[in-house]
C-alpha cells in the first residue's frame, strides 16, 4: 500500500493536503459561499484531502519505522 522509495512524495502530499483543507476552510467560513457548489467543494475536496493526508501520514510512519 506504500512505496518505500517515495518518502519525499508522501511528505509533499501531506503538506498539500493540509494546505487544501485550510483553503477550503477559509472559503467556507470567510467568503460565505452558498448553494450546492460549496457542498461539493467541501464534501468531495475535503474527503479527498483528508483521505490523502491519512494515507500519507500512515505511509511516512511505516517508512520511518522500517528505517530504524
N, C-alpha and C. Protein backbone atom coordinates (compact mmCIF):
# COMPACT_ATOMS: atom_id res chain seq x y z
N UNK A 1 0.82 -1.20 0.00
CA UNK A 1 0.00 0.00 0.00
C UNK A 1 0.86 1.26 0.00
N UNK A 2 2.18 1.13 0.12
CA UNK A 2 3.05 2.29 0.07
C UNK A 2 4.38 1.87 -0.56
N UNK A 3 5.07 2.85 -1.11
CA UNK A 3 6.36 2.61 -1.76
C UNK A 3 7.45 3.18 -0.87
N UNK A 4 8.39 2.34 -0.50
CA UNK A 4 9.45 2.73 0.43
C UNK A 4 10.35 3.83 -0.13
N UNK A 5 10.40 3.94 -1.43
CA UNK A 5 11.32 4.90 -2.05
C UNK A 5 10.72 6.29 -2.23
N UNK A 6 9.45 6.47 -1.88
CA UNK A 6 8.77 7.75 -2.14
C UNK A 6 8.45 8.53 -0.87
N UNK A 7 9.38 8.57 0.05
CA UNK A 7 9.16 9.29 1.31
C UNK A 7 8.92 10.78 1.06
N UNK A 8 9.71 11.39 0.19
CA UNK A 8 9.54 12.82 -0.08
C UNK A 8 8.20 13.11 -0.75
N UNK A 9 7.74 12.21 -1.60
CA UNK A 9 6.43 12.40 -2.23
C UNK A 9 5.32 12.35 -1.19
N UNK A 10 5.40 11.45 -0.25
CA UNK A 10 4.38 11.37 0.80
C UNK A 10 4.40 12.62 1.68
N UNK A 11 5.58 13.15 1.95
CA UNK A 11 5.66 14.40 2.72
C UNK A 11 5.02 15.55 1.95
N UNK A 12 5.28 15.62 0.66
CA UNK A 12 4.70 16.66 -0.19
C UNK A 12 3.18 16.53 -0.22
N UNK A 13 2.68 15.31 -0.36
CA UNK A 13 1.23 15.10 -0.38
C UNK A 13 0.58 15.50 0.93
N UNK A 14 1.25 15.24 2.04
CA UNK A 14 0.70 15.63 3.34
C UNK A 14 0.62 17.15 3.45
N UNK A 15 1.65 17.84 3.01
CA UNK A 15 1.65 19.31 3.07
C UNK A 15 0.57 19.88 2.16
N UNK A 16 0.45 19.35 0.95
CA UNK A 16 -0.58 19.83 0.02
C UNK A 16 -1.98 19.55 0.57
N UNK A 17 -2.18 18.42 1.19
CA UNK A 17 -3.50 18.11 1.77
C UNK A 17 -3.87 19.08 2.88
N UNK A 18 -2.91 19.41 3.73
CA UNK A 18 -3.17 20.37 4.80
C UNK A 18 -3.48 21.74 4.19
N UNK A 19 -2.72 22.13 3.17
CA UNK A 19 -2.96 23.41 2.51
C UNK A 19 -4.37 23.46 1.91
N UNK A 20 -4.78 22.40 1.23
CA UNK A 20 -6.12 22.38 0.63
C UNK A 20 -7.22 22.42 1.68
N UNK A 21 -7.01 21.72 2.79
CA UNK A 21 -8.00 21.78 3.87
C UNK A 21 -8.11 23.19 4.45
N UNK A 22 -6.98 23.86 4.60
CA UNK A 22 -7.00 25.24 5.10
C UNK A 22 -7.68 26.16 4.09
N UNK A 23 -7.40 25.97 2.83
CA UNK A 23 -8.01 26.80 1.78
C UNK A 23 -9.52 26.61 1.74
N UNK A 24 -9.97 25.37 1.83
CA UNK A 24 -11.42 25.12 1.84
C UNK A 24 -12.07 25.69 3.09
N UNK A 25 -11.42 25.58 4.22
CA UNK A 25 -11.96 26.15 5.45
C UNK A 25 -12.08 27.66 5.33
N UNK A 26 -11.08 28.29 4.76
CA UNK A 26 -11.14 29.75 4.56
C UNK A 26 -12.30 30.13 3.65
N UNK A 27 -12.46 29.40 2.56
CA UNK A 27 -13.54 29.71 1.62
C UNK A 27 -14.91 29.56 2.26
N UNK A 28 -15.07 28.54 3.06
CA UNK A 28 -16.38 28.28 3.68
C UNK A 28 -16.69 29.30 4.76
N UNK A 29 -15.74 29.58 5.63
CA UNK A 29 -16.02 30.42 6.79
C UNK A 29 -15.95 31.92 6.53
N UNK A 30 -15.12 32.34 5.60
CA UNK A 30 -14.91 33.78 5.43
C UNK A 30 -15.52 34.35 4.16
N UNK A 31 -15.87 33.52 3.19
CA UNK A 31 -16.47 34.03 1.97
C UNK A 31 -17.97 33.79 1.91
N UNK A 32 -18.48 33.05 2.83
CA UNK A 32 -19.92 32.78 2.94
C UNK A 32 -20.53 32.34 1.62
N UNK A 33 -19.88 31.39 0.99
CA UNK A 33 -20.42 30.85 -0.26
C UNK A 33 -21.66 30.04 0.05
N UNK A 34 -22.65 30.18 -0.79
CA UNK A 34 -23.91 29.45 -0.58
C UNK A 34 -24.24 28.66 -1.84
N UNK A 35 -25.08 27.67 -1.67
CA UNK A 35 -25.53 26.90 -2.80
C UNK A 35 -24.95 25.49 -2.81
N UNK A 36 -25.34 24.71 -3.81
CA UNK A 36 -24.89 23.32 -3.86
C UNK A 36 -23.41 23.18 -4.19
N UNK A 37 -22.81 24.19 -4.82
CA UNK A 37 -21.40 24.10 -5.18
C UNK A 37 -20.50 24.00 -3.98
N UNK A 38 -20.83 24.72 -2.93
CA UNK A 38 -19.99 24.69 -1.73
C UNK A 38 -20.03 23.31 -1.07
N UNK A 39 -21.18 22.65 -1.15
CA UNK A 39 -21.29 21.29 -0.61
C UNK A 39 -20.35 20.35 -1.36
N UNK A 40 -20.32 20.48 -2.68
CA UNK A 40 -19.44 19.62 -3.48
C UNK A 40 -17.97 19.89 -3.17
N UNK A 41 -17.63 21.16 -3.04
CA UNK A 41 -16.24 21.52 -2.75
C UNK A 41 -15.81 20.94 -1.40
N UNK A 42 -16.65 21.14 -0.40
CA UNK A 42 -16.30 20.68 0.94
C UNK A 42 -16.35 19.17 1.03
N UNK A 43 -17.39 18.55 0.51
CA UNK A 43 -17.54 17.11 0.67
C UNK A 43 -16.52 16.34 -0.17
N UNK A 44 -16.47 16.61 -1.46
CA UNK A 44 -15.57 15.84 -2.32
C UNK A 44 -14.12 16.26 -2.10
N UNK A 45 -13.85 17.56 -2.12
CA UNK A 45 -12.48 18.02 -1.93
C UNK A 45 -11.97 17.73 -0.53
N UNK A 46 -12.81 17.95 0.46
CA UNK A 46 -12.41 17.69 1.84
C UNK A 46 -12.18 16.22 2.09
N UNK A 47 -13.05 15.38 1.57
CA UNK A 47 -12.88 13.94 1.74
C UNK A 47 -11.60 13.46 1.08
N UNK A 48 -11.35 13.95 -0.14
CA UNK A 48 -10.12 13.57 -0.83
C UNK A 48 -8.89 14.03 -0.04
N UNK A 49 -8.92 15.26 0.46
CA UNK A 49 -7.77 15.78 1.19
C UNK A 49 -7.53 15.03 2.49
N UNK A 50 -8.60 14.73 3.20
CA UNK A 50 -8.47 14.01 4.47
C UNK A 50 -7.94 12.59 4.25
N UNK A 51 -8.48 11.90 3.25
CA UNK A 51 -8.00 10.54 2.97
C UNK A 51 -6.56 10.55 2.49
N UNK A 52 -6.20 11.52 1.68
CA UNK A 52 -4.82 11.63 1.21
C UNK A 52 -3.88 11.93 2.37
N UNK A 53 -4.31 12.80 3.28
CA UNK A 53 -3.49 13.13 4.45
C UNK A 53 -3.30 11.90 5.34
N UNK A 54 -4.36 11.18 5.59
CA UNK A 54 -4.28 9.98 6.43
C UNK A 54 -3.34 8.95 5.81
N UNK A 55 -3.48 8.71 4.52
CA UNK A 55 -2.63 7.73 3.85
C UNK A 55 -1.17 8.18 3.86
N UNK A 56 -0.92 9.46 3.62
CA UNK A 56 0.45 9.96 3.60
C UNK A 56 1.11 9.85 4.96
N UNK A 57 0.40 10.22 6.00
CA UNK A 57 0.95 10.13 7.35
C UNK A 57 1.22 8.68 7.71
N UNK A 58 0.31 7.80 7.36
CA UNK A 58 0.49 6.37 7.64
C UNK A 58 1.72 5.83 6.90
N UNK A 59 1.86 6.20 5.63
CA UNK A 59 2.99 5.71 4.84
C UNK A 59 4.31 6.26 5.39
N UNK A 60 4.32 7.52 5.78
CA UNK A 60 5.53 8.11 6.36
C UNK A 60 5.91 7.38 7.64
N UNK A 61 4.93 7.10 8.49
CA UNK A 61 5.23 6.37 9.73
C UNK A 61 5.77 4.98 9.45
N UNK A 62 5.21 4.29 8.47
CA UNK A 62 5.66 2.94 8.17
C UNK A 62 7.08 2.96 7.58
N UNK A 63 7.36 3.92 6.71
CA UNK A 63 8.70 4.01 6.11
C UNK A 63 9.73 4.33 7.19
N UNK A 64 9.42 5.26 8.08
CA UNK A 64 10.37 5.62 9.13
C UNK A 64 10.55 4.48 10.12
N UNK A 65 9.50 3.73 10.36
CA UNK A 65 9.60 2.59 11.29
C UNK A 65 10.53 1.51 10.70
N UNK A 66 10.42 1.30 9.40
CA UNK A 66 11.29 0.31 8.74
C UNK A 66 12.74 0.76 8.69
N UNK A 67 12.95 2.08 8.64
CA UNK A 67 14.32 2.61 8.53
C UNK A 67 15.09 2.44 9.84
N UNK A 68 14.41 2.27 10.94
CA UNK A 68 15.09 2.12 12.23
C UNK A 68 15.74 0.78 12.40
